[in-house]
Amino acid sequence: VVGDANQTIYSFAGAQANYLLDFSRRFP
């Protein structure tokens, strides 16, 4: 996965940066 949580600008449309932020928790 590739991304930047500090470029999350579509929350109003349902985007959730938590999946990126939690990636290391899901895949230790």
mmCIF file of all heavy atoms, coordinates in Angstrom:
data_MODEL
# 
_entry.id   MODEL 
# 
loop_
_atom_site.group_PDB 
_atom_site.id 
_atom_site.type_symbol 
_atom_site.label_atom_id 
_atom_site.label_alt_id 
_atom_site.label_comp_id 
_atom_site.label_asym_id 
_atom_site.label_entity_id 
_atom_site.label_seq_id 
_atom_site.pdbx_PDB_ins_code 
_atom_site.Cartn_x 
_atom_site.Cartn_y 
_atom_site.Cartn_z 
_atom_site.occupancy 
_atom_site.B_iso_or_equiv 
_atom_site.pdbx_formal_charge 
_atom_site.auth_seq_id 
_atom_site.auth_comp_id 
_atom_site.auth_asym_id 
_atom_site.auth_atom_id 
_atom_site.pdbx_PDB_model_num 
ATOM 1   N N   . VAL A 1 1  ? 0.854   -1.190 0.000  1.00 0.00 ? 1  VAL A N   1 
ATOM 2   C CA  . VAL A 1 1  ? 0.000   0.000  0.000  1.00 0.00 ? 1  VAL A CA  1 
ATOM 3   C C   . VAL A 1 1  ? 0.888   1.238  0.000  1.00 0.00 ? 1  VAL A C   1 
ATOM 4   O O   . VAL A 1 1  ? 1.964   1.252  0.589  1.00 0.00 ? 1  VAL A O   1 
ATOM 5   C CB  . VAL A 1 1  ? -0.959  0.028  1.207  1.00 0.00 ? 1  VAL A CB  1 
ATOM 6   C CG1 . VAL A 1 1  ? -1.869  -1.184 1.188  1.00 0.00 ? 1  VAL A CG1 1 
ATOM 7   C CG2 . VAL A 1 1  ? -0.205  0.119  2.525  1.00 0.00 ? 1  VAL A CG2 1 
ATOM 8   N N   . VAL A 1 2  ? 0.396   2.275  -0.679 1.00 0.00 ? 2  VAL A N   1 
ATOM 9   C CA  . VAL A 1 2  ? 1.142   3.527  -0.803 1.00 0.00 ? 2  VAL A CA  1 
ATOM 10  C C   . VAL A 1 2  ? 0.202   4.672  -0.473 1.00 0.00 ? 2  VAL A C   1 
ATOM 11  O O   . VAL A 1 2  ? -0.921  4.743  -0.991 1.00 0.00 ? 2  VAL A O   1 
ATOM 12  C CB  . VAL A 1 2  ? 1.683   3.718  -2.240 1.00 0.00 ? 2  VAL A CB  1 
ATOM 13  C CG1 . VAL A 1 2  ? 2.586   4.949  -2.300 1.00 0.00 ? 2  VAL A CG1 1 
ATOM 14  C CG2 . VAL A 1 2  ? 2.423   2.484  -2.703 1.00 0.00 ? 2  VAL A CG2 1 
ATOM 15  N N   . GLY A 1 3  ? 0.634   5.591  0.380  1.00 0.00 ? 3  GLY A N   1 
ATOM 16  C CA  . GLY A 1 3  ? -0.235  6.718  0.703  1.00 0.00 ? 3  GLY A CA  1 
ATOM 17  C C   . GLY A 1 3  ? 0.422   7.714  1.634  1.00 0.00 ? 3  GLY A C   1 
ATOM 18  O O   . GLY A 1 3  ? 1.566   7.543  2.059  1.00 0.00 ? 3  GLY A O   1 
ATOM 19  N N   . ASP A 1 4  ? -0.322  8.747  1.947  1.00 0.00 ? 4  ASP A N   1 
ATOM 20  C CA  . ASP A 1 4  ? 0.136   9.813  2.843  1.00 0.00 ? 4  ASP A CA  1 
ATOM 21  C C   . ASP A 1 4  ? -1.087  10.314 3.603  1.00 0.00 ? 4  ASP A C   1 
ATOM 22  O O   . ASP A 1 4  ? -1.962  10.962 3.025  1.00 0.00 ? 4  ASP A O   1 
ATOM 23  C CB  . ASP A 1 4  ? 0.774   10.948 2.037  1.00 0.00 ? 4  ASP A CB  1 
ATOM 24  C CG  . ASP A 1 4  ? 1.251   12.106 2.913  1.00 0.00 ? 4  ASP A CG  1 
ATOM 25  O OD1 . ASP A 1 4  ? 1.151   12.006 4.151  1.00 0.00 ? 4  ASP A OD1 1 
ATOM 26  O OD2 . ASP A 1 4  ? 1.713   13.123 2.358  1.00 0.00 ? 4  ASP A OD2 1 
ATOM 27  N N   . ALA A 1 5  ? -1.158  10.009 4.882  1.00 0.00 ? 5  ALA A N   1 
ATOM 28  C CA  . ALA A 1 5  ? -2.332  10.396 5.677  1.00 0.00 ? 5  ALA A CA  1 
ATOM 29  C C   . ALA A 1 5  ? -2.523  11.901 5.698  1.00 0.00 ? 5  ALA A C   1 
ATOM 30  O O   . ALA A 1 5  ? -3.643  12.386 5.884  1.00 0.00 ? 5  ALA A O   1 
ATOM 31  C CB  . ALA A 1 5  ? -2.186  9.868  7.105  1.00 0.00 ? 5  ALA A CB  1 
ATOM 32  N N   . ASN A 1 6  ? -1.449  12.649 5.493  1.00 0.00 ? 6  ASN A N   1 
ATOM 33  C CA  . ASN A 1 6  ? -1.561  14.103 5.506  1.00 0.00 ? 6  ASN A CA  1 
ATOM 34  C C   . ASN A 1 6  ? -2.015  14.679 4.172  1.00 0.00 ? 6  ASN A C   1 
ATOM 35  O O   . ASN A 1 6  ? -2.010  15.895 3.982  1.00 0.00 ? 6  ASN A O   1 
ATOM 36  C CB  . ASN A 1 6  ? -0.228  14.726 5.944  1.00 0.00 ? 6  ASN A CB  1 
ATOM 37  C CG  . ASN A 1 6  ? 0.007   14.522 7.430  1.00 0.00 ? 6  ASN A CG  1 
ATOM 38  O OD1 . ASN A 1 6  ? -0.679  15.097 8.252  1.00 0.00 ? 6  ASN A OD1 1 
ATOM 39  N ND2 . ASN A 1 6  ? 0.953   13.660 7.768  1.00 0.00 ? 6  ASN A ND2 1 
ATOM 40  N N   . GLN A 1 7  ? -2.406  13.798 3.249  1.00 0.00 ? 7  GLN A N   1 
ATOM 41  C CA  . GLN A 1 7  ? -3.081  14.237 2.034  1.00 0.00 ? 7  GLN A CA  1 
ATOM 42  C C   . GLN A 1 7  ? -4.502  13.670 1.972  1.00 0.00 ? 7  GLN A C   1 
ATOM 43  O O   . GLN A 1 7  ? -5.094  13.577 0.899  1.00 0.00 ? 7  GLN A O   1 
ATOM 44  C CB  . GLN A 1 7  ? -2.288  13.823 0.793  1.00 0.00 ? 7  GLN A CB  1 
ATOM 45  C CG  . GLN A 1 7  ? -0.944  14.541 0.662  1.00 0.00 ? 7  GLN A CG  1 
ATOM 46  C CD  . GLN A 1 7  ? -0.284  14.302 -0.675 1.00 0.00 ? 7  GLN A CD  1 
ATOM 47  O OE1 . GLN A 1 7  ? -0.768  14.725 -1.724 1.00 0.00 ? 7  GLN A OE1 1 
ATOM 48  N NE2 . GLN A 1 7  ? 0.844   13.598 -0.656 1.00 0.00 ? 7  GLN A NE2 1 
ATOM 49  N N   . THR A 1 8  ? -5.067  13.329 3.130  1.00 0.00 ? 8  THR A N   1 
ATOM 50  C CA  . THR A 1 8  ? -6.456  12.856 3.203  1.00 0.00 ? 8  THR A CA  1 
ATOM 51  C C   . THR A 1 8  ? -7.376  14.060 3.117  1.00 0.00 ? 8  THR A C   1 
ATOM 52  O O   . THR A 1 8  ? -7.492  14.836 4.055  1.00 0.00 ? 8  THR A O   1 
ATOM 53  C CB  . THR A 1 8  ? -6.699  12.110 4.530  1.00 0.00 ? 8  THR A CB  1 
ATOM 54  O OG1 . THR A 1 8  ? -5.757  11.047 4.648  1.00 0.00 ? 8  THR A OG1 1 
ATOM 55  C CG2 . THR A 1 8  ? -8.117  11.554 4.570  1.00 0.00 ? 8  THR A CG2 1 
ATOM 56  N N   . ILE A 1 9  ? -8.052  14.229 1.977  1.00 0.00 ? 9  ILE A N   1 
ATOM 57  C CA  . ILE A 1 9  ? -8.930  15.393 1.779  1.00 0.00 ? 9  ILE A CA  1 
ATOM 58  C C   . ILE A 1 9  ? -10.317 14.985 1.277  1.00 0.00 ? 9  ILE A C   1 
ATOM 59  O O   . ILE A 1 9  ? -11.093 15.838 0.861  1.00 0.00 ? 9  ILE A O   1 
ATOM 60  C CB  . ILE A 1 9  ? -8.296  16.399 0.790  1.00 0.00 ? 9  ILE A CB  1 
ATOM 61  C CG1 . ILE A 1 9  ? -8.057  15.747 -0.579 1.00 0.00 ? 9  ILE A CG1 1 
ATOM 62  C CG2 . ILE A 1 9  ? -7.010  16.988 1.353  1.00 0.00 ? 9  ILE A CG2 1 
ATOM 63  C CD1 . ILE A 1 9  ? -7.610  16.726 -1.659 1.00 0.00 ? 9  ILE A CD1 1 
ATOM 64  N N   . TYR A 1 10 ? -10.624 13.678 1.361  1.00 0.00 ? 10 TYR A N   1 
ATOM 65  C CA  . TYR A 1 10 ? -11.922 13.217 0.873  1.00 0.00 ? 10 TYR A CA  1 
ATOM 66  C C   . TYR A 1 10 ? -12.728 12.502 1.958  1.00 0.00 ? 10 TYR A C   1 
ATOM 67  O O   . TYR A 1 10 ? -13.536 11.625 1.662  1.00 0.00 ? 10 TYR A O   1 
ATOM 68  C CB  . TYR A 1 10 ? -11.733 12.278 -0.329 1.00 0.00 ? 10 TYR A CB  1 
ATOM 69  C CG  . TYR A 1 10 ? -11.130 12.945 -1.529 1.00 0.00 ? 10 TYR A CG  1 
ATOM 70  C CD1 . TYR A 1 10 ? -9.830  12.646 -1.935 1.00 0.00 ? 10 TYR A CD1 1 
ATOM 71  C CD2 . TYR A 1 10 ? -11.846 13.892 -2.255 1.00 0.00 ? 10 TYR A CD2 1 
ATOM 72  C CE1 . TYR A 1 10 ? -9.271  13.270 -3.041 1.00 0.00 ? 10 TYR A CE1 1 
ATOM 73  C CE2 . TYR A 1 10 ? -11.288 14.516 -3.360 1.00 0.00 ? 10 TYR A CE2 1 
ATOM 74  C CZ  . TYR A 1 10 ? -10.000 14.203 -3.742 1.00 0.00 ? 10 TYR A CZ  1 
ATOM 75  O OH  . TYR A 1 10 ? -9.448  14.818 -4.835 1.00 0.00 ? 10 TYR A OH  1 
ATOM 76  N N   . SER A 1 11 ? -12.560 12.889 3.209  1.00 0.00 ? 11 SER A N   1 
ATOM 77  C CA  . SER A 1 11 ? -13.334 12.272 4.286  1.00 0.00 ? 11 SER A CA  1 
ATOM 78  C C   . SER A 1 11 ? -14.832 12.456 4.071  1.00 0.00 ? 11 SER A C   1 
ATOM 79  O O   . SER A 1 11 ? -15.632 11.591 4.426  1.00 0.00 ? 11 SER A O   1 
ATOM 80  C CB  . SER A 1 11 ? -12.930 12.872 5.632  1.00 0.00 ? 11 SER A CB  1 
ATOM 81  O OG  . SER A 1 11 ? -11.583 12.565 5.923  1.00 0.00 ? 11 SER A OG  1 
ATOM 82  N N   . PHE A 1 12 ? -15.215 13.594 3.475  1.00 0.00 ? 12 PHE A N   1 
ATOM 83  C CA  . PHE A 1 12 ? -16.637 13.854 3.236  1.00 0.00 ? 12 PHE A CA  1 
ATOM 84  C C   . PHE A 1 12 ? -17.255 12.818 2.308  1.00 0.00 ? 12 PHE A C   1 
ATOM 85  O O   . PHE A 1 12 ? -18.473 12.621 2.287  1.00 0.00 ? 12 PHE A O   1 
ATOM 86  C CB  . PHE A 1 12 ? -16.841 15.258 2.655  1.00 0.00 ? 12 PHE A CB  1 
ATOM 87  C CG  . PHE A 1 12 ? -16.234 15.442 1.294  1.00 0.00 ? 12 PHE A CG  1 
ATOM 88  C CD1 . PHE A 1 12 ? -16.956 15.170 0.147  1.00 0.00 ? 12 PHE A CD1 1 
ATOM 89  C CD2 . PHE A 1 12 ? -14.930 15.900 1.156  1.00 0.00 ? 12 PHE A CD2 1 
ATOM 90  C CE1 . PHE A 1 12 ? -16.401 15.329 -1.111 1.00 0.00 ? 12 PHE A CE1 1 
ATOM 91  C CE2 . PHE A 1 12 ? -14.364 16.072 -0.100 1.00 0.00 ? 12 PHE A CE2 1 
ATOM 92  C CZ  . PHE A 1 12 ? -15.098 15.779 -1.236 1.00 0.00 ? 12 PHE A CZ  1 
ATOM 93  N N   . ALA A 1 13 ? -16.426 12.139 1.506  1.00 0.00 ? 13 ALA A N   1 
ATOM 94  C CA  . ALA A 1 13 ? -16.925 11.122 0.578  1.00 0.00 ? 13 ALA A CA  1 
ATOM 95  C C   . ALA A 1 13 ? -16.735 9.711  1.118  1.00 0.00 ? 13 ALA A C   1 
ATOM 96  O O   . ALA A 1 13 ? -17.018 8.744  0.410  1.00 0.00 ? 13 ALA A O   1 
ATOM 97  C CB  . ALA A 1 13 ? -16.220 11.251 -0.771 1.00 0.00 ? 13 ALA A CB  1 
ATOM 98  N N   . GLY A 1 14 ? -16.262 9.595  2.363  1.00 0.00 ? 14 GLY A N   1 
ATOM 99  C CA  . GLY A 1 14 ? -16.124 8.279  2.977  1.00 0.00 ? 14 GLY A CA  1 
ATOM 100 C C   . GLY A 1 14 ? -14.704 7.793  3.156  1.00 0.00 ? 14 GLY A C   1 
ATOM 101 O O   . GLY A 1 14 ? -14.482 6.739  3.765  1.00 0.00 ? 14 GLY A O   1 
ATOM 102 N N   . ALA A 1 15 ? -13.701 8.519  2.640  1.00 0.00 ? 15 ALA A N   1 
ATOM 103 C CA  . ALA A 1 15 ? -12.314 8.083  2.776  1.00 0.00 ? 15 ALA A CA  1 
ATOM 104 C C   . ALA A 1 15 ? -11.915 8.049  4.249  1.00 0.00 ? 15 ALA A C   1 
ATOM 105 O O   . ALA A 1 15 ? -12.292 8.923  5.030  1.00 0.00 ? 15 ALA A O   1 
ATOM 106 C CB  . ALA A 1 15 ? -11.393 9.028  2.011  1.00 0.00 ? 15 ALA A CB  1 
ATOM 107 N N   . GLN A 1 16 ? -11.136 7.020  4.614  1.00 0.00 ? 16 GLN A N   1 
ATOM 108 C CA  . GLN A 1 16 ? -10.686 6.880  5.995  1.00 0.00 ? 16 GLN A CA  1 
ATOM 109 C C   . GLN A 1 16 ? -9.199  6.557  6.010  1.00 0.00 ? 16 GLN A C   1 
ATOM 110 O O   . GLN A 1 16 ? -8.784  5.482  5.550  1.00 0.00 ? 16 GLN A O   1 
ATOM 111 C CB  . GLN A 1 16 ? -11.477 5.790  6.717  1.00 0.00 ? 16 GLN A CB  1 
ATOM 112 C CG  . GLN A 1 16 ? -12.941 6.139  6.922  1.00 0.00 ? 16 GLN A CG  1 
ATOM 113 C CD  . GLN A 1 16 ? -13.649 5.163  7.842  1.00 0.00 ? 16 GLN A CD  1 
ATOM 114 O OE1 . GLN A 1 16 ? -13.032 4.306  8.480  1.00 0.00 ? 16 GLN A OE1 1 
ATOM 115 N NE2 . GLN A 1 16 ? -14.956 5.289  7.917  1.00 0.00 ? 16 GLN A NE2 1 
ATOM 116 N N   . ALA A 1 17 ? -8.419  7.473  6.563  1.00 0.00 ? 17 ALA A N   1 
ATOM 117 C CA  . ALA A 1 17 ? -6.969  7.269  6.623  1.00 0.00 ? 17 ALA A CA  1 
ATOM 118 C C   . ALA A 1 17 ? -6.579  6.219  7.653  1.00 0.00 ? 17 ALA A C   1 
ATOM 119 O O   . ALA A 1 17 ? -5.427  5.778  7.684  1.00 0.00 ? 17 ALA A O   1 
ATOM 120 C CB  . ALA A 1 17 ? -6.275  8.593  6.938  1.00 0.00 ? 17 ALA A CB  1 
ATOM 121 N N   . ASN A 1 18 ? -7.524  5.785  8.498  1.00 0.00 ? 18 ASN A N   1 
ATOM 122 C CA  . ASN A 1 18 ? -7.191  4.825  9.553  1.00 0.00 ? 18 ASN A CA  1 
ATOM 123 C C   . ASN A 1 18 ? -6.651  3.518  9.001  1.00 0.00 ? 18 ASN A C   1 
ATOM 124 O O   . ASN A 1 18 ? -5.843  2.845  9.658  1.00 0.00 ? 18 ASN A O   1 
ATOM 125 C CB  . ASN A 1 18 ? -8.420  4.538  10.426 1.00 0.00 ? 18 ASN A CB  1 
ATOM 126 C CG  . ASN A 1 18 ? -8.762  5.698  11.334 1.00 0.00 ? 18 ASN A CG  1 
ATOM 127 O OD1 . ASN A 1 18 ? -7.927  6.583  11.555 1.00 0.00 ? 18 ASN A OD1 1 
ATOM 128 N ND2 . ASN A 1 18 ? -9.970  5.716  11.848 1.00 0.00 ? 18 ASN A ND2 1 
ATOM 129 N N   . TYR A 1 19 ? -7.087  3.129  7.806  1.00 0.00 ? 19 TYR A N   1 
ATOM 130 C CA  . TYR A 1 19 ? -6.589  1.881  7.239  1.00 0.00 ? 19 TYR A CA  1 
ATOM 131 C C   . TYR A 1 19 ? -5.085  1.983  6.965  1.00 0.00 ? 19 TYR A C   1 
ATOM 132 O O   . TYR A 1 19 ? -4.347  1.012  7.180  1.00 0.00 ? 19 TYR A O   1 
ATOM 133 C CB  . TYR A 1 19 ? -7.339  1.533  5.954  1.00 0.00 ? 19 TYR A CB  1 
ATOM 134 C CG  . TYR A 1 19 ? -8.823  1.352  6.171  1.00 0.00 ? 19 TYR A CG  1 
ATOM 135 C CD1 . TYR A 1 19 ? -9.753  2.152  5.519  1.00 0.00 ? 19 TYR A CD1 1 
ATOM 136 C CD2 . TYR A 1 19 ? -9.298  0.387  7.049  1.00 0.00 ? 19 TYR A CD2 1 
ATOM 137 C CE1 . TYR A 1 19 ? -11.121 1.994  5.723  1.00 0.00 ? 19 TYR A CE1 1 
ATOM 138 C CE2 . TYR A 1 19 ? -10.664 0.220  7.260  1.00 0.00 ? 19 TYR A CE2 1 
ATOM 139 C CZ  . TYR A 1 19 ? -11.568 1.033  6.602  1.00 0.00 ? 19 TYR A CZ  1 
ATOM 140 O OH  . TYR A 1 19 ? -12.917 0.876  6.814  1.00 0.00 ? 19 TYR A OH  1 
ATOM 141 N N   . LEU A 1 20 ? -4.639  3.141  6.516  1.00 0.00 ? 20 LEU A N   1 
ATOM 142 C CA  . LEU A 1 20 ? -3.209  3.363  6.321  1.00 0.00 ? 20 LEU A CA  1 
ATOM 143 C C   . LEU A 1 20 ? -2.501  3.457  7.668  1.00 0.00 ? 20 LEU A C   1 
ATOM 144 O O   . LEU A 1 20 ? -1.442  2.848  7.875  1.00 0.00 ? 20 LEU A O   1 
ATOM 145 C CB  . LEU A 1 20 ? -2.993  4.640  5.505  1.00 0.00 ? 20 LEU A CB  1 
ATOM 146 C CG  . LEU A 1 20 ? -1.538  5.081  5.290  1.00 0.00 ? 20 LEU A CG  1 
ATOM 147 C CD1 . LEU A 1 20 ? -0.778  4.041  4.476  1.00 0.00 ? 20 LEU A CD1 1 
ATOM 148 C CD2 . LEU A 1 20 ? -1.496  6.437  4.584  1.00 0.00 ? 20 LEU A CD2 1 
ATOM 149 N N   . LEU A 1 21 ? -3.083  4.208  8.600  1.00 0.00 ? 21 LEU A N   1 
ATOM 150 C CA  . LEU A 1 21 ? -2.457  4.408  9.908  1.00 0.00 ? 21 LEU A CA  1 
ATOM 151 C C   . LEU A 1 21 ? -2.365  3.107  10.703 1.00 0.00 ? 21 LEU A C   1 
ATOM 152 O O   . LEU A 1 21 ? -1.435  2.925  11.502 1.00 0.00 ? 21 LEU A O   1 
ATOM 153 C CB  . LEU A 1 21 ? -3.247  5.447  10.700 1.00 0.00 ? 21 LEU A CB  1 
ATOM 154 C CG  . LEU A 1 21 ? -3.293  6.859  10.091 1.00 0.00 ? 21 LEU A CG  1 
ATOM 155 C CD1 . LEU A 1 21 ? -4.276  7.736  10.851 1.00 0.00 ? 21 LEU A CD1 1 
ATOM 156 C CD2 . LEU A 1 21 ? -1.909  7.488  10.084 1.00 0.00 ? 21 LEU A CD2 1 
ATOM 157 N N   . ASP A 1 22 ? -3.319  2.197  10.493 1.00 0.00 ? 22 ASP A N   1 
ATOM 158 C CA  . ASP A 1 22 ? -3.364  0.945  11.254 1.00 0.00 ? 22 ASP A CA  1 
ATOM 159 C C   . ASP A 1 22 ? -2.700  -0.223 10.526 1.00 0.00 ? 22 ASP A C   1 
ATOM 160 O O   . ASP A 1 22 ? -2.768  -1.364 10.999 1.00 0.00 ? 22 ASP A O   1 
ATOM 161 C CB  . ASP A 1 22 ? -4.818  0.565  11.563 1.00 0.00 ? 22 ASP A CB  1 
ATOM 162 C CG  . ASP A 1 22 ? -5.465  1.519  12.552 1.00 0.00 ? 22 ASP A CG  1 
ATOM 163 O OD1 . ASP A 1 22 ? -4.731  2.171  13.317 1.00 0.00 ? 22 ASP A OD1 1 
ATOM 164 O OD2 . ASP A 1 22 ? -6.715  1.624  12.543 1.00 0.00 ? 22 ASP A OD2 1 
ATOM 165 N N   . PHE A 1 23 ? -2.072  0.034  9.389  1.00 0.00 ? 23 PHE A N   1 
ATOM 166 C CA  . PHE A 1 23 ? -1.537  -1.062 8.575  1.00 0.00 ? 23 PHE A CA  1 
ATOM 167 C C   . PHE A 1 23 ? -0.530  -1.905 9.362  1.00 0.00 ? 23 PHE A C   1 
ATOM 168 O O   . PHE A 1 23 ? -0.571  -3.146 9.324  1.00 0.00 ? 23 PHE A O   1 
ATOM 169 C CB  . PHE A 1 23 ? -0.887  -0.502 7.309  1.00 0.00 ? 23 PHE A CB  1 
ATOM 170 C CG  . PHE A 1 23 ? -0.531  -1.552 6.291  1.00 0.00 ? 23 PHE A CG  1 
ATOM 171 C CD1 . PHE A 1 23 ? -1.485  -2.032 5.412  1.00 0.00 ? 23 PHE A CD1 1 
ATOM 172 C CD2 . PHE A 1 23 ? 0.755   -2.062 6.215  1.00 0.00 ? 23 PHE A CD2 1 
ATOM 173 C CE1 . PHE A 1 23 ? -1.166  -3.011 4.474  1.00 0.00 ? 23 PHE A CE1 1 
ATOM 174 C CE2 . PHE A 1 23 ? 1.091   -3.033 5.278  1.00 0.00 ? 23 PHE A CE2 1 
ATOM 175 C CZ  . PHE A 1 23 ? 0.129   -3.512 4.410  1.00 0.00 ? 23 PHE A CZ  1 
ATOM 176 N N   . SER A 1 24 ? 0.357   -1.248 10.094 1.00 0.00 ? 24 SER A N   1 
ATOM 177 C CA  . SER A 1 24 ? 1.380   -1.989 10.847 1.00 0.00 ? 24 SER A CA  1 
ATOM 178 C C   . SER A 1 24 ? 0.784   -2.770 12.006 1.00 0.00 ? 24 SER A C   1 
ATOM 179 O O   . SER A 1 24 ? 1.364   -3.758 12.460 1.00 0.00 ? 24 SER A O   1 
ATOM 180 C CB  . SER A 1 24 ? 2.452   -1.021 11.364 1.00 0.00 ? 24 SER A CB  1 
ATOM 181 O OG  . SER A 1 24 ? 3.157   -0.448 10.290 1.00 0.00 ? 24 SER A OG  1 
ATOM 182 N N   . ARG A 1 25 ? -0.361  -2.332 12.531 1.00 0.00 ? 25 ARG A N   1 
ATOM 183 C CA  . ARG A 1 25 ? -1.030  -3.097 13.585 1.00 0.00 ? 25 ARG A CA  1 
ATOM 184 C C   . ARG A 1 25 ? -1.652  -4.364 13.009 1.00 0.00 ? 25 ARG A C   1 
ATOM 185 O O   . ARG A 1 25 ? -1.616  -5.430 13.631 1.00 0.00 ? 25 ARG A O   1 
ATOM 186 C CB  . ARG A 1 25 ? -2.109  -2.246 14.244 1.00 0.00 ? 25 ARG A CB  1 
ATOM 187 C CG  . ARG A 1 25 ? -1.573  -1.033 14.997 1.00 0.00 ? 25 ARG A CG  1 
ATOM 188 C CD  . ARG A 1 25 ? -2.698  -0.262 15.666 1.00 0.00 ? 25 ARG A CD  1 
ATOM 189 N NE  . ARG A 1 25 ? -2.201  0.937  16.327 1.00 0.00 ? 25 ARG A NE  1 
ATOM 190 C CZ  . ARG A 1 25 ? -2.974  1.812  16.968 1.00 0.00 ? 25 ARG A CZ  1 
ATOM 191 N NH1 . ARG A 1 25 ? -4.285  1.601  17.032 1.00 0.00 ? 25 ARG A NH1 1 
ATOM 192 N NH2 . ARG A 1 25 ? -2.448  2.880  17.534 1.00 0.00 ? 25 ARG A NH2 1 
ATOM 193 N N   . ARG A 1 26 ? -2.231  -4.229 11.812 1.00 0.00 ? 26 ARG A N   1 
ATOM 194 C CA  . ARG A 1 26 ? -2.848  -5.397 11.192 1.00 0.00 ? 26 ARG A CA  1 
ATOM 195 C C   . ARG A 1 26 ? -1.792  -6.381 10.717 1.00 0.00 ? 26 ARG A C   1 
ATOM 196 O O   . ARG A 1 26 ? -1.980  -7.599 10.808 1.00 0.00 ? 26 ARG A O   1 
ATOM 197 C CB  . ARG A 1 26 ? -3.719  -4.955 10.021 1.00 0.00 ? 26 ARG A CB  1 
ATOM 198 C CG  . ARG A 1 26 ? -4.383  -6.119 9.316  1.00 0.00 ? 26 ARG A CG  1 
ATOM 199 C CD  . ARG A 1 26 ? -5.306  -5.678 8.217  1.00 0.00 ? 26 ARG A CD  1 
ATOM 200 N NE  . ARG A 1 26 ? -5.889  -6.822 7.551  1.00 0.00 ? 26 ARG A NE  1 
ATOM 201 C CZ  . ARG A 1 26 ? -6.708  -6.754 6.516  1.00 0.00 ? 26 ARG A CZ  1 
ATOM 202 N NH1 . ARG A 1 26 ? -7.059  -5.565 6.033  1.00 0.00 ? 26 ARG A NH1 1 
ATOM 203 N NH2 . ARG A 1 26 ? -7.196  -7.842 5.962  1.00 0.00 ? 26 ARG A NH2 1 
ATOM 204 N N   . PHE A 1 27 ? -0.675  -5.833 10.187 1.00 0.00 ? 27 PHE A N   1 
ATOM 205 C CA  . PHE A 1 27 ? 0.418   -6.674 9.696  1.00 0.00 ? 27 PHE A CA  1 
ATOM 206 C C   . PHE A 1 27 ? 1.684   -6.319 10.477 1.00 0.00 ? 27 PHE A C   1 
ATOM 207 O O   . PHE A 1 27 ? 2.493   -5.486 10.026 1.00 0.00 ? 27 PHE A O   1 
ATOM 208 C CB  . PHE A 1 27 ? 0.634   -6.461 8.202  1.00 0.00 ? 27 PHE A CB  1 
ATOM 209 C CG  . PHE A 1 27 ? -0.562  -6.768 7.344  1.00 0.00 ? 27 PHE A CG  1 
ATOM 210 C CD1 . PHE A 1 27 ? -1.331  -5.742 6.806  1.00 0.00 ? 27 PHE A CD1 1 
ATOM 211 C CD2 . PHE A 1 27 ? -0.920  -8.079 7.070  1.00 0.00 ? 27 PHE A CD2 1 
ATOM 212 C CE1 . PHE A 1 27 ? -2.422  -6.016 6.004  1.00 0.00 ? 27 PHE A CE1 1 
ATOM 213 C CE2 . PHE A 1 27 ? -2.020  -8.364 6.267  1.00 0.00 ? 27 PHE A CE2 1 
ATOM 214 C CZ  . PHE A 1 27 ? -2.773  -7.340 5.738  1.00 0.00 ? 27 PHE A CZ  1 
ATOM 215 N N   . PRO A 1 28 ? 1.879   -6.904 11.646 1.00 0.00 ? 28 PRO A N   1 
ATOM 216 C CA  . PRO A 1 28 ? 3.032   -6.527 12.492 1.00 0.00 ? 28 PRO A CA  1 
ATOM 217 C C   . PRO A 1 28 ? 4.379   -6.721 11.818 1.00 0.00 ? 28 PRO A C   1 
ATOM 218 O O   . PRO A 1 28 ? 5.356   -6.049 12.180 1.00 0.00 ? 28 PRO A O   1 
ATOM 219 C CB  . PRO A 1 28 ? 2.879   -7.456 13.710 1.00 0.00 ? 28 PRO A CB  1 
ATOM 220 C CG  . PRO A 1 28 ? 1.427   -7.826 13.730 1.00 0.00 ? 28 PRO A CG  1 
ATOM 221 C CD  . PRO A 1 28 ? 1.021   -7.901 12.293 1.00 0.00 ? 28 PRO A CD  1 
# 
